[in-house]
C-alpha atoms as a PDB file:
ATOM      1  CA  MET A   1       4.329 -25.454 -93.504  1.00  0.00           C
ATOM      2  CA  ALA A   2       6.005 -28.814 -92.814  1.00  0.00           C
ATOM      3  CA  ALA A   3       5.086 -31.924 -94.772  1.00  0.00           C
ATOM      4  CA  LEU A   4       3.573 -33.471 -91.661  1.00  0.00           C
ATOM      5  CA  ASP A   5       1.186 -30.508 -91.272  1.00  0.00           C
ATOM      6  CA  LYS A   6      -0.389 -31.084 -94.689  1.00  0.00           C
ATOM      7  CA  ALA A   7      -3.522 -33.039 -95.409  1.00  0.00           C
ATOM      8  CA  ALA A   8      -3.050 -36.611 -96.598  1.00  0.00           C
ATOM      9  CA  GLY A   9      -4.119 -35.768-100.150  1.00  0.00           C
ATOM     10  CA  ALA A  10      -2.016 -32.598-100.460  1.00  0.00           C
ATOM     11  CA  PHE A  11       0.739 -32.250-103.028  1.00  0.00           C
ATOM     12  CA  ARG A  12       4.276 -32.157-101.675  1.00  0.00           C
ATOM     13  CA  THR A  13       7.388 -30.387-102.898  1.00  0.00           C
ATOM     14  CA  ILE A  14      10.591 -32.303-103.551  1.00  0.00           C
ATOM     15  CA  GLY A  15      12.053 -30.875-100.336  1.00  0.00           C
ATOM     16  CA  GLU A  16       9.114 -32.115 -98.288  1.00  0.00           C
ATOM     17  CA  VAL A  17       9.275 -35.576 -99.877  1.00  0.00           C
ATOM     18  CA  SER A  18      13.031 -35.682 -99.322  1.00  0.00           C
ATOM     19  CA  GLN A  19      12.647 -34.757 -95.667  1.00  0.00           C
ATOM     20  CA  ASP A  20       9.723 -37.155 -95.160  1.00  0.00           C
ATOM     21  CA  THR A  21      11.420 -40.187 -96.784  1.00  0.00           C
ATOM     22  CA  GLY A  22      15.027 -39.445 -95.833  1.00  0.00           C
ATOM     23  CA  LEU A  23      16.073 -39.642 -99.492  1.00  0.00           C
ATOM     24  CA  PRO A  24      18.247 -36.883-100.986  1.00  0.00           C
ATOM     25  CA  GLN A  25      16.597 -34.678-103.614  1.00  0.00           C
ATOM     26  CA  HIS A  26      19.108 -35.705-106.281  1.00  0.00           C
ATOM     27  CA  ILE A  27      18.101 -39.357-105.794  1.00  0.00           C
ATOM     28  CA  LEU A  28      14.426 -38.453-106.309  1.00  0.00           C
ATOM     29  CA  ARG A  29      15.310 -36.588-109.515  1.00  0.00           C
ATOM     30  CA  TYR A  30      17.432 -39.529-110.696  1.00  0.00           C
ATOM     31  CA  TRP A  31      14.599 -41.983-110.046  1.00  0.00           C
ATOM     32  CA  GLU A  32      12.356 -39.852-112.267  1.00  0.00           C
ATOM     33  CA  THR A  33      14.762 -40.612-115.135  1.00  0.00           C
ATOM     34  CA  ARG A  34      14.786 -44.350-114.400  1.00  0.00           C
ATOM     35  CA  PHE A  35      11.153 -45.068-113.516  1.00  0.00           C
ATOM     36  CA  PRO A  36       8.585 -43.766-116.015  1.00  0.00           C
ATOM     37  CA  GLN A  37       5.826 -44.472-113.475  1.00  0.00           C
ATOM     38  CA  LEU A  38       7.245 -41.707-111.254  1.00  0.00           C
ATOM     39  CA  ARG A  39       6.053 -38.469-112.838  1.00  0.00           C
ATOM     40  CA  PRO A  40       5.395 -35.624-110.409  1.00  0.00           C
ATOM     41  CA  LEU A  41       3.584 -32.564-111.706  1.00  0.00           C
ATOM     42  CA  GLN A  42       5.932 -29.802-112.826  1.00  0.00           C
ATOM     43  CA  ARG A  43       4.801 -26.210-112.647  1.00  0.00           C
ATOM     44  CA  ALA A  44       6.432 -23.026-113.842  1.00  0.00           C
ATOM     45  CA  GLY A  45      10.123 -22.947-113.074  1.00  0.00           C
ATOM     46  CA  LYS A  46      10.262 -26.775-113.120  1.00  0.00           C
ATOM     47  CA  ARG A  47       9.050 -27.011-109.497  1.00  0.00           C
ATOM     48  CA  ARG A  48       7.998 -30.564-108.753  1.00  0.00           C
ATOM     49  CA  TYR A  49       4.794 -31.380-106.917  1.00  0.00           C
ATOM     50  CA  TYR A  50       4.380 -34.981-105.794  1.00  0.00           C
ATOM     51  CA  ARG A  51       0.908 -36.492-105.474  1.00  0.00           C
ATOM     52  CA  PRO A  52       0.211 -38.968-102.651  1.00  0.00           C
ATOM     53  CA  GLU A  53       0.499 -41.857-105.147  1.00  0.00           C
ATOM     54  CA  ASP A  54       3.927 -40.541-106.217  1.00  0.00           C
ATOM     55  CA  VAL A  55       5.087 -40.554-102.593  1.00  0.00           C
ATOM     56  CA  ALA A  56       3.754 -44.109-102.150  1.00  0.00           C
ATOM     57  CA  LEU A  57       5.668 -45.199-105.272  1.00  0.00           C
ATOM     58  CA  ILE A  58       8.846 -43.543-103.954  1.00  0.00           C
ATOM     59  CA  ARG A  59       8.497 -45.432-100.678  1.00  0.00           C
ATOM     60  CA  ARG A  60       7.966 -48.685-102.591  1.00  0.00           C
ATOM     61  CA  ILE A  61      10.983 -48.122-104.855  1.00  0.00           C
ATOM     62  CA  ASP A  62      13.079 -47.260-101.788  1.00  0.00           C
ATOM     63  CA  ASP A  63      11.961 -50.460-100.050  1.00  0.00           C
ATOM     64  CA  LEU A  64      12.672 -52.626-103.092  1.00  0.00           C
ATOM     65  CA  LEU A  65      16.103 -51.101-103.692  1.00  0.00           C
ATOM     66  CA  ASN A  66      17.382 -50.516-100.183  1.00  0.00           C
ATOM     67  CA  GLN A  67      15.622 -53.158 -98.080  1.00  0.00           C
ATOM     68  CA  GLN A  68      14.817 -56.086-100.374  1.00  0.00           C
ATOM     69  CA  GLY A  69      17.998 -55.931-102.449  1.00  0.00           C
ATOM     70  CA  TYR A  70      16.575 -55.327-105.920  1.00  0.00           C
ATOM     71  CA  THR A  71      18.676 -53.602-108.562  1.00  0.00           C
ATOM     72  CA  ILE A  72      17.321 -50.602-110.444  1.00  0.00           C
ATOM     73  CA  ARG A  73      16.841 -52.844-113.474  1.00  0.00           C
ATOM     74  CA  GLY A  74      14.979 -55.379-111.332  1.00  0.00           C
ATOM     75  CA  VAL A  75      12.613 -52.728-109.970  1.00  0.00           C
ATOM     76  CA  GLN A  76      12.069 -51.411-113.514  1.00  0.00           C
ATOM     77  CA  LYS A  77      11.072 -54.891-114.691  1.00  0.00           C
ATOM     78  CA  LEU A  78       8.831 -55.454-111.678  1.00  0.00           C
ATOM     79  CA  LEU A  79       7.002 -52.144-112.092  1.00  0.00           C
ATOM     80  CA  ALA A  80       6.693 -52.660-115.859  1.00  0.00           C
ATOM     81  CA  SER A  81       5.202 -56.129-115.378  1.00  0.00           C
ATOM     82  CA  GLU A  82       2.704 -54.741-112.886  1.00  0.00           C
ATOM     83  CA  GLY A  83       1.750 -52.034-115.358  1.00  0.00           C
ATOM     84  CA  ARG A  84       0.940 -54.742-117.914  1.00  0.00           C
ATOM     85  CA  GLY A  85      -1.323 -56.566-115.482  1.00  0.00           C
ATOM     86  CA  GLY A  86       1.372 -58.775-113.977  1.00  0.00           C
ATOM     87  CA  ALA A  87       1.830 -59.210-110.253  1.00  0.00           C
ATOM     88  CA  ALA A  88      -0.343 -57.162-107.933  1.00  0.00           C
ATOM     89  CA  ALA A  89       1.278 -53.901-106.856  1.00  0.00           C
ATOM     90  CA  ALA A  90       0.894 -54.622-103.151  1.00  0.00           C
ATOM     91  CA  THR A  91       2.515 -58.066-103.291  1.00  0.00           C
ATOM     92  CA  ALA A  92       6.003 -57.767-104.699  1.00  0.00           C
ATOM     93  CA  PRO A  93       7.979 -60.992-104.420  1.00  0.00           C
ATOM     94  CA  ALA A  94      11.265 -60.866-102.575  1.00  0.00           C
ATOM     95  CA  PRO A  95      14.207 -61.324-104.966  1.00  0.00           C
ATOM     96  CA  ALA A  96      15.533 -64.498-103.345  1.00  0.00           C
ATOM     97  CA  ALA A  97      12.971 -65.482-100.720  1.00  0.00           C
ATOM     98  CA  GLU A  98      13.461 -69.227-101.307  1.00  0.00           C
ATOM     99  CA  VAL A  99      17.233 -69.103-100.881  1.00  0.00           C
ATOM    100  CA  PRO A 100      18.406 -69.076 -97.261  1.00  0.00           C
ATOM    101  CA  ALA A 101      20.666 -66.161 -96.458  1.00  0.00           C
ATOM    102  CA  ALA A 102      24.371 -66.926 -96.267  1.00  0.00           C
ATOM    103  CA  PRO A 103      26.337 -65.576 -93.322  1.00  0.00           C
ATOM    104  CA  VAL A 104      27.844 -62.184 -94.053  1.00  0.00           C
ATOM    105  CA  PRO A 105      31.555 -61.709 -93.337  1.00  0.00           C
ATOM    106  CA  VAL A 106      32.469 -58.855 -91.011  1.00  0.00           C
ATOM    107  CA  PRO A 107      34.787 -56.312 -92.675  1.00  0.00           C
ATOM    108  CA  GLY A 108      38.295 -56.491 -91.274  1.00  0.00           C
ATOM    109  CA  SER A 109      37.923 -60.025 -89.957  1.00  0.00           C
ATOM    110  CA  PRO A 110      39.759 -63.012 -91.446  1.00  0.00           C
ATOM    111  CA  VAL A 111      37.903 -64.535 -94.394  1.00  0.00           C
ATOM    112  CA  ASP A 112      36.177 -67.799 -93.554  1.00  0.00           C
ATOM    113  CA  LEU A 113      36.225 -70.081 -96.594  1.00  0.00           C
ATOM    114  CA  SER A 114      32.907 -71.658 -95.588  1.00  0.00           C
ATOM    115  CA  VAL A 115      31.252 -68.208 -95.726  1.00  0.00           C
ATOM    116  CA  LEU A 116      32.550 -67.634 -99.244  1.00  0.00           C
ATOM    117  CA  LYS A 117      31.372 -71.089-100.327  1.00  0.00           C
ATOM    118  CA  ALA A 118      27.921 -70.435 -98.857  1.00  0.00           C
ATOM    119  CA  ILE A 119      27.699 -67.153-100.757  1.00  0.00           C
ATOM    120  CA  ARG A 120      28.815 -68.892-103.965  1.00  0.00           C
ATOM    121  CA  ASP A 121      26.231 -71.642-103.488  1.00  0.00           C
ATOM    122  CA  GLN A 122      23.519 -69.053-102.842  1.00  0.00           C
ATOM    123  CA  LEU A 123      24.409 -67.235-106.061  1.00  0.00           C
ATOM    124  CA  VAL A 124      24.392 -70.489-108.044  1.00  0.00           C
ATOM    125  CA  ARG A 125      20.923 -71.379-106.699  1.00  0.00           C
ATOM    126  CA  ALA A 126      19.627 -67.888-107.447  1.00  0.00           C
ATOM    127  CA  LEU A 127      20.874 -68.052-111.028  1.00  0.00           C
ATOM    128  CA  GLU A 128      19.371 -71.501-111.559  1.00  0.00           C
ATOM    129  CA  GLY A 129      15.979 -70.550-110.103  1.00  0.00           C
END
C-alpha cells in the first residue's frame, strides 16, 4: 500500500516517509540523532513507524534547513526554545529576514567585486543583529 493510500492518521514506514518527502532514508535516520524531538516508534527488528506529527516535524526541519537556510545547530536551538515555551511552533522566524539578499554570483562567471562586498556587508549586519 502506498503512503498516499493511507489514512491521514496512519503510521508510516521510513520508506514511505522518504518517498513522500523526497528525503533519503539515511538523512531521516541522521536527523533522529540530531533532533531529540524526532522519535518515531520502533518495533521489533528496529523498524521505524512515523506518526503524523513526526512527518510534520520532518517537513518543518526540511523547510528550515533546505529552504530558509538554517544550520542544523540553528534548527536545534529553535526547536529547543519552542519546547521550553519560546516561539510558537507555527511561526518560525526567518534567519535573516531583515537583511536584504545580496546578489548571488553565477559559478564560472567573472567575480564582481561589488557582489562580494554586498555579501560581506550582509554577513556583518547579520552578525551584529
